């Protein structure tokens, strides 16, 4: 990989240390609800041209007895698009991936899943990052109250699995990892 000489020059000109940039990146992550723990050694790797390593992402949903899947309708600012997604979030240090998936589902939907089953693990952008998304599902869930992270989506709905192929075709499930998981659930359950 090519060294990032432009970033190095900008840091030097601005008088920002490697530790200072790492602190700013961590702060920007916190403002977006992410827990980042970059330090000066990560900045040194970036300047050499290495890409940052991303934490694993845990994803979960519930499919009820009527073969409806619990989805979130949310806006993504980077692409300025709306779409259906499953509850998802970053796995915290030392946290079990399945436990993180259950936590994210409850925080974002207000539903606590029953026993989770691993559905699929994918690398949604393996040409750009080393992120791995681990997707789980349960055939039962218990509503425990309003979601703590209700701000993360406009609404939460039970959507018939039979509608999944049409939703994807219409572009209403824009995230490839979510589309893959929903199509697999559609195949397994119908």
C-alpha atoms as a PDB file:
ATOM      1  CA  UNK A   1       0.000   0.000   0.000  1.00  0.00           C
ATOM      2  CA  UNK A   2       1.100   3.547  -0.682  1.00  0.00           C
ATOM      3  CA  UNK A   3       2.156   5.728   2.251  1.00  0.00           C
ATOM      4  CA  UNK A   4      -0.316   8.533   2.970  1.00  0.00           C
ATOM      5  CA  UNK A   5       2.124  11.425   2.592  1.00  0.00           C
ATOM      6  CA  UNK A   6      -0.677  13.986   2.202  1.00  0.00           C
ATOM      7  CA  UNK A   7      -2.194  13.095   5.580  1.00  0.00           C
ATOM      8  CA  UNK A   8       1.280  13.153   7.148  1.00  0.00           C
ATOM      9  CA  UNK A   9       1.937  16.645   5.701  1.00  0.00           C
ATOM     10  CA  UNK A  10      -1.450  17.955   6.881  1.00  0.00           C
ATOM     11  CA  UNK A  11      -0.882  16.653  10.402  1.00  0.00           C
ATOM     12  CA  UNK A  12       2.568  18.231  10.464  1.00  0.00           C
ATOM     13  CA  UNK A  13       1.269  21.568   9.159  1.00  0.00           C
ATOM     14  CA  UNK A  14      -1.616  21.603  11.652  1.00  0.00           C
ATOM     15  CA  UNK A  15       0.642  20.589  14.534  1.00  0.00           C
ATOM     16  CA  UNK A  16      -1.488  17.556  15.336  1.00  0.00           C
ATOM     17  CA  UNK A  17       0.279  14.565  16.860  1.00  0.00           C
ATOM     18  CA  UNK A  18      -0.561  10.969  16.061  1.00  0.00           C
ATOM     19  CA  UNK A  19      -2.167  10.667  19.493  1.00  0.00           C
ATOM     20  CA  UNK A  20      -4.136  13.868  18.842  1.00  0.00           C
ATOM     21  CA  UNK A  21      -5.572  12.541  15.578  1.00  0.00           C
ATOM     22  CA  UNK A  22      -6.454   9.237  17.231  1.00  0.00           C
ATOM     23  CA  UNK A  23      -8.283  11.134  19.987  1.00  0.00           C
ATOM     24  CA  UNK A  24     -10.232  13.172  17.394  1.00  0.00           C
ATOM     25  CA  UNK A  25     -11.226   9.992  15.500  1.00  0.00           C
ATOM     26  CA  UNK A  26     -12.371   8.351  18.755  1.00  0.00           C
ATOM     27  CA  UNK A  27     -14.381  11.461  19.643  1.00  0.00           C
ATOM     28  CA  UNK A  28     -16.014  11.574  16.193  1.00  0.00           C
ATOM     29  CA  UNK A  29     -16.941   7.903  16.625  1.00  0.00           C
ATOM     30  CA  UNK A  30     -18.522   8.571  20.033  1.00  0.00           C
ATOM     31  CA  UNK A  31     -20.608  11.359  18.473  1.00  0.00           C
ATOM     32  CA  UNK A  32     -21.973   8.712  16.087  1.00  0.00           C
ATOM     33  CA  UNK A  33     -22.604   6.122  18.796  1.00  0.00           C
ATOM     34  CA  UNK A  34     -19.454   4.080  18.081  1.00  0.00           C
ATOM     35  CA  UNK A  35     -16.878   2.935  20.582  1.00  0.00           C
ATOM     36  CA  UNK A  36     -13.518   3.426  18.885  1.00  0.00           C
ATOM     37  CA  UNK A  37     -10.196   2.900  20.624  1.00  0.00           C
ATOM     38  CA  UNK A  38      -7.589   4.108  18.164  1.00  0.00           C
ATOM     39  CA  UNK A  39      -4.227   5.249  19.480  1.00  0.00           C
ATOM     40  CA  UNK A  40      -1.055   6.752  18.040  1.00  0.00           C
ATOM     41  CA  UNK A  41       0.136   3.393  16.695  1.00  0.00           C
ATOM     42  CA  UNK A  42      -2.977   3.123  14.510  1.00  0.00           C
ATOM     43  CA  UNK A  43      -2.255   6.572  13.042  1.00  0.00           C
ATOM     44  CA  UNK A  44       1.309   5.470  12.277  1.00  0.00           C
ATOM     45  CA  UNK A  45      -0.113   2.465  10.382  1.00  0.00           C
ATOM     46  CA  UNK A  46      -2.526   4.744   8.459  1.00  0.00           C
ATOM     47  CA  UNK A  47       0.395   6.951   7.437  1.00  0.00           C
ATOM     48  CA  UNK A  48       2.167   3.849   6.109  1.00  0.00           C
ATOM     49  CA  UNK A  49      -0.950   3.128   4.015  1.00  0.00           C
ATOM     50  CA  UNK A  50      -2.558   0.407   6.097  1.00  0.00           C
ATOM     51  CA  UNK A  51      -6.326   0.385   6.497  1.00  0.00           C
ATOM     52  CA  UNK A  52      -7.949   0.576   9.939  1.00  0.00           C
ATOM     53  CA  UNK A  53      -9.323  -2.643  11.376  1.00  0.00           C
ATOM     54  CA  UNK A  54     -12.997  -2.653  12.219  1.00  0.00           C
ATOM     55  CA  UNK A  55     -14.760  -4.369  15.076  1.00  0.00           C
ATOM     56  CA  UNK A  56     -17.127  -7.246  14.318  1.00  0.00           C
ATOM     57  CA  UNK A  57     -20.787  -6.331  13.864  1.00  0.00           C
ATOM     58  CA  UNK A  58     -23.562  -8.371  15.499  1.00  0.00           C
ATOM     59  CA  UNK A  59     -26.956  -8.519  13.780  1.00  0.00           C
ATOM     60  CA  UNK A  60     -30.205 -10.150  14.929  1.00  0.00           C
ATOM     61  CA  UNK A  61     -33.892 -10.536  14.217  1.00  0.00           C
ATOM     62  CA  UNK A  62     -36.887 -12.628  15.171  1.00  0.00           C
ATOM     63  CA  UNK A  63     -39.169 -14.574  12.827  1.00  0.00           C
ATOM     64  CA  UNK A  64     -42.561 -15.203  14.433  1.00  0.00           C
ATOM     65  CA  UNK A  65     -45.017 -18.086  13.947  1.00  0.00           C
ATOM     66  CA  UNK A  66     -46.763 -16.165  11.147  1.00  0.00           C
ATOM     67  CA  UNK A  67     -43.413 -16.084   9.248  1.00  0.00           C
ATOM     68  CA  UNK A  68     -43.051 -12.358   9.747  1.00  0.00           C
ATOM     69  CA  UNK A  69     -39.588 -10.921  10.317  1.00  0.00           C
ATOM     70  CA  UNK A  70     -38.891  -8.017  12.685  1.00  0.00           C
ATOM     71  CA  UNK A  71     -37.328  -5.164  10.683  1.00  0.00           C
ATOM     72  CA  UNK A  72     -36.354  -1.542  11.201  1.00  0.00           C
ATOM     73  CA  UNK A  73     -37.049   1.234   8.678  1.00  0.00           C
ATOM     74  CA  UNK A  74     -34.070   3.547   8.945  1.00  0.00           C
ATOM     75  CA  UNK A  75     -32.186   6.303   7.206  1.00  0.00           C
ATOM     76  CA  UNK A  76     -28.484   6.016   6.388  1.00  0.00           C
ATOM     77  CA  UNK A  77     -26.803   9.395   6.140  1.00  0.00           C
ATOM     78  CA  UNK A  78     -23.741   8.314   4.157  1.00  0.00           C
ATOM     79  CA  UNK A  79     -25.893   7.144   1.236  1.00  0.00           C
ATOM     80  CA  UNK A  80     -28.848   9.413   2.105  1.00  0.00           C
ATOM     81  CA  UNK A  81     -31.188   6.460   1.682  1.00  0.00           C
ATOM     82  CA  UNK A  82     -34.026   4.775   3.560  1.00  0.00           C
ATOM     83  CA  UNK A  83     -34.418   1.022   3.813  1.00  0.00           C
ATOM     84  CA  UNK A  84     -35.361  -2.035   5.826  1.00  0.00           C
ATOM     85  CA  UNK A  85     -32.636  -3.471   8.046  1.00  0.00           C
ATOM     86  CA  UNK A  86     -32.122  -5.865  10.901  1.00  0.00           C
ATOM     87  CA  UNK A  87     -30.969  -4.590  14.301  1.00  0.00           C
ATOM     88  CA  UNK A  88     -27.180  -4.332  14.285  1.00  0.00           C
ATOM     89  CA  UNK A  89     -24.251  -2.887  16.173  1.00  0.00           C
ATOM     90  CA  UNK A  90     -20.614  -3.193  17.061  1.00  0.00           C
ATOM     91  CA  UNK A  91     -19.437  -5.990  19.367  1.00  0.00           C
ATOM     92  CA  UNK A  92     -17.875  -4.459  22.485  1.00  0.00           C
ATOM     93  CA  UNK A  93     -14.504  -5.583  23.858  1.00  0.00           C
ATOM     94  CA  UNK A  94     -14.827  -8.995  25.496  1.00  0.00           C
ATOM     95  CA  UNK A  95     -18.482  -9.353  24.504  1.00  0.00           C
ATOM     96  CA  UNK A  96     -19.764 -12.596  23.022  1.00  0.00           C
ATOM     97  CA  UNK A  97     -21.017 -12.020  19.459  1.00  0.00           C
ATOM     98  CA  UNK A  98     -24.394 -13.714  20.033  1.00  0.00           C
ATOM     99  CA  UNK A  99     -24.879 -11.750  23.259  1.00  0.00           C
ATOM    100  CA  UNK A 100     -24.108  -8.544  21.351  1.00  0.00           C
ATOM    101  CA  UNK A 101     -26.680  -9.491  18.709  1.00  0.00           C
ATOM    102  CA  UNK A 102     -29.331 -10.059  21.402  1.00  0.00           C
ATOM    103  CA  UNK A 103     -28.407  -6.758  23.092  1.00  0.00           C
ATOM    104  CA  UNK A 104     -28.666  -4.809  19.830  1.00  0.00           C
ATOM    105  CA  UNK A 105     -32.040  -6.358  18.999  1.00  0.00           C
ATOM    106  CA  UNK A 106     -33.476  -5.431  22.375  1.00  0.00           C
ATOM    107  CA  UNK A 107     -31.963  -1.908  22.383  1.00  0.00           C
ATOM    108  CA  UNK A 108     -33.173  -1.095  18.869  1.00  0.00           C
ATOM    109  CA  UNK A 109     -36.578  -2.834  18.797  1.00  0.00           C
ATOM    110  CA  UNK A 110     -37.726  -3.455  22.380  1.00  0.00           C
ATOM    111  CA  UNK A 111     -37.900  -7.196  21.643  1.00  0.00           C
ATOM    112  CA  UNK A 112     -35.769  -9.681  23.612  1.00  0.00           C
ATOM    113  CA  UNK A 113     -34.999 -12.710  21.441  1.00  0.00           C
ATOM    114  CA  UNK A 114     -35.334 -16.315  22.499  1.00  0.00           C
ATOM    115  CA  UNK A 115     -32.398 -18.647  21.797  1.00  0.00           C
ATOM    116  CA  UNK A 116     -30.403 -17.263  18.893  1.00  0.00           C
ATOM    117  CA  UNK A 117     -29.281 -19.343  15.928  1.00  0.00           C
ATOM    118  CA  UNK A 118     -26.335 -18.323  13.784  1.00  0.00           C
ATOM    119  CA  UNK A 119     -27.607 -17.646  10.284  1.00  0.00           C
ATOM    120  CA  UNK A 120     -24.623 -16.357   8.306  1.00  0.00           C
ATOM    121  CA  UNK A 121     -21.391 -14.368   8.632  1.00  0.00           C
ATOM    122  CA  UNK A 122     -20.458 -12.047   5.780  1.00  0.00           C
ATOM    123  CA  UNK A 123     -17.831  -9.497   4.826  1.00  0.00           C
ATOM    124  CA  UNK A 124     -19.957  -6.793   3.189  1.00  0.00           C
ATOM    125  CA  UNK A 125     -17.034  -4.737   1.849  1.00  0.00           C
ATOM    126  CA  UNK A 126     -14.086  -7.117   1.803  1.00  0.00           C
ATOM    127  CA  UNK A 127     -12.315  -5.072  -0.858  1.00  0.00           C
ATOM    128  CA  UNK A 128     -12.344  -2.020   1.420  1.00  0.00           C
ATOM    129  CA  UNK A 129     -12.434  -3.150   5.049  1.00  0.00           C
ATOM    130  CA  UNK A 130     -11.960  -6.209   7.212  1.00  0.00           C
ATOM    131  CA  UNK A 131     -15.414  -5.871   8.806  1.00  0.00           C
ATOM    132  CA  UNK A 132     -17.291  -9.107   9.495  1.00  0.00           C
ATOM    133  CA  UNK A 133     -21.021  -9.106  10.179  1.00  0.00           C
ATOM    134  CA  UNK A 134     -22.403 -12.044  12.178  1.00  0.00           C
ATOM    135  CA  UNK A 135     -26.142 -12.476  11.697  1.00  0.00           C
ATOM    136  CA  UNK A 136     -28.408 -14.372  14.091  1.00  0.00           C
ATOM    137  CA  UNK A 137     -32.106 -15.094  14.291  1.00  0.00           C
ATOM    138  CA  UNK A 138     -34.605 -16.530  16.723  1.00  0.00           C
ATOM    139  CA  UNK A 139     -38.032 -18.063  16.193  1.00  0.00           C
ATOM    140  CA  UNK A 140     -39.348 -16.403  19.334  1.00  0.00           C
ATOM    141  CA  UNK A 141     -39.138 -13.094  21.123  1.00  0.00           C
ATOM    142  CA  UNK A 142     -40.662 -11.209  24.020  1.00  0.00           C
ATOM    143  CA  UNK A 143     -41.655  -7.548  23.858  1.00  0.00           C
ATOM    144  CA  UNK A 144     -40.054  -5.865  26.880  1.00  0.00           C
ATOM    145  CA  UNK A 145     -40.954  -2.238  26.176  1.00  0.00           C
ATOM    146  CA  UNK A 146     -40.060   0.721  24.034  1.00  0.00           C
ATOM    147  CA  UNK A 147     -36.608   0.468  22.480  1.00  0.00           C
ATOM    148  CA  UNK A 148     -33.812   2.283  24.292  1.00  0.00           C
ATOM    149  CA  UNK A 149     -32.314   3.245  20.922  1.00  0.00           C
ATOM    150  CA  UNK A 150     -35.604   4.205  19.241  1.00  0.00           C
ATOM    151  CA  UNK A 151     -33.802   7.116  17.576  1.00  0.00           C
ATOM    152  CA  UNK A 152     -31.940   4.655  15.339  1.00  0.00           C
ATOM    153  CA  UNK A 153     -35.009   3.917  13.222  1.00  0.00           C
ATOM    154  CA  UNK A 154     -38.191   5.617  12.103  1.00  0.00           C
ATOM    155  CA  UNK A 155     -40.269   2.526  12.851  1.00  0.00           C
ATOM    156  CA  UNK A 156     -40.127  -1.179  13.643  1.00  0.00           C
ATOM    157  CA  UNK A 157     -42.457  -3.606  11.910  1.00  0.00           C
ATOM    158  CA  UNK A 158     -43.241  -7.269  11.462  1.00  0.00           C
ATOM    159  CA  UNK A 159     -42.898  -7.796   7.709  1.00  0.00           C
ATOM    160  CA  UNK A 160     -44.051 -11.008   5.977  1.00  0.00           C
ATOM    161  CA  UNK A 161     -41.051 -13.084   4.844  1.00  0.00           C
ATOM    162  CA  UNK A 162     -42.906 -13.764   1.588  1.00  0.00           C
ATOM    163  CA  UNK A 163     -42.513 -10.033   0.769  1.00  0.00           C
ATOM    164  CA  UNK A 164     -38.701 -10.121   1.085  1.00  0.00           C
ATOM    165  CA  UNK A 165     -37.827 -10.819  -2.584  1.00  0.00           C
ATOM    166  CA  UNK A 166     -40.067  -7.962  -3.756  1.00  0.00           C
ATOM    167  CA  UNK A 167     -38.656  -5.566  -1.133  1.00  0.00           C
ATOM    168  CA  UNK A 168     -35.132  -6.351  -2.311  1.00  0.00           C
ATOM    169  CA  UNK A 169     -36.079  -6.026  -5.989  1.00  0.00           C
ATOM    170  CA  UNK A 170     -37.622  -2.593  -5.305  1.00  0.00           C
ATOM    171  CA  UNK A 171     -34.421  -1.461  -3.546  1.00  0.00           C
ATOM    172  CA  UNK A 172     -36.062  -1.266  -0.116  1.00  0.00           C
ATOM    173  CA  UNK A 173     -33.320  -3.439   1.421  1.00  0.00           C
ATOM    174  CA  UNK A 174     -30.237  -1.592   0.168  1.00  0.00           C
ATOM    175  CA  UNK A 175     -27.628  -3.211   2.453  1.00  0.00           C
ATOM    176  CA  UNK A 176     -26.187  -6.369   0.885  1.00  0.00           C
ATOM    177  CA  UNK A 177     -25.645  -8.095   4.245  1.00  0.00           C
ATOM    178  CA  UNK A 178     -29.278  -7.532   5.188  1.00  0.00           C
ATOM    179  CA  UNK A 179     -30.522  -8.706   1.775  1.00  0.00           C
ATOM    180  CA  UNK A 180     -28.435 -11.895   2.025  1.00  0.00           C
ATOM    181  CA  UNK A 181     -29.722 -12.654   5.527  1.00  0.00           C
ATOM    182  CA  UNK A 182     -33.357 -12.000   4.615  1.00  0.00           C
ATOM    183  CA  UNK A 183     -33.167 -14.131   1.483  1.00  0.00           C
ATOM    184  CA  UNK A 184     -31.636 -16.970   3.509  1.00  0.00           C
ATOM    185  CA  UNK A 185     -34.404 -16.677   6.126  1.00  0.00           C
ATOM    186  CA  UNK A 186     -36.957 -16.641   3.302  1.00  0.00           C
ATOM    187  CA  UNK A 187     -35.413 -19.846   1.912  1.00  0.00           C
ATOM    188  CA  UNK A 188     -35.225 -21.583   5.305  1.00  0.00           C
ATOM    189  CA  UNK A 189     -38.707 -20.696   6.518  1.00  0.00           C
ATOM    190  CA  UNK A 190     -40.914 -20.764   3.397  1.00  0.00           C
END
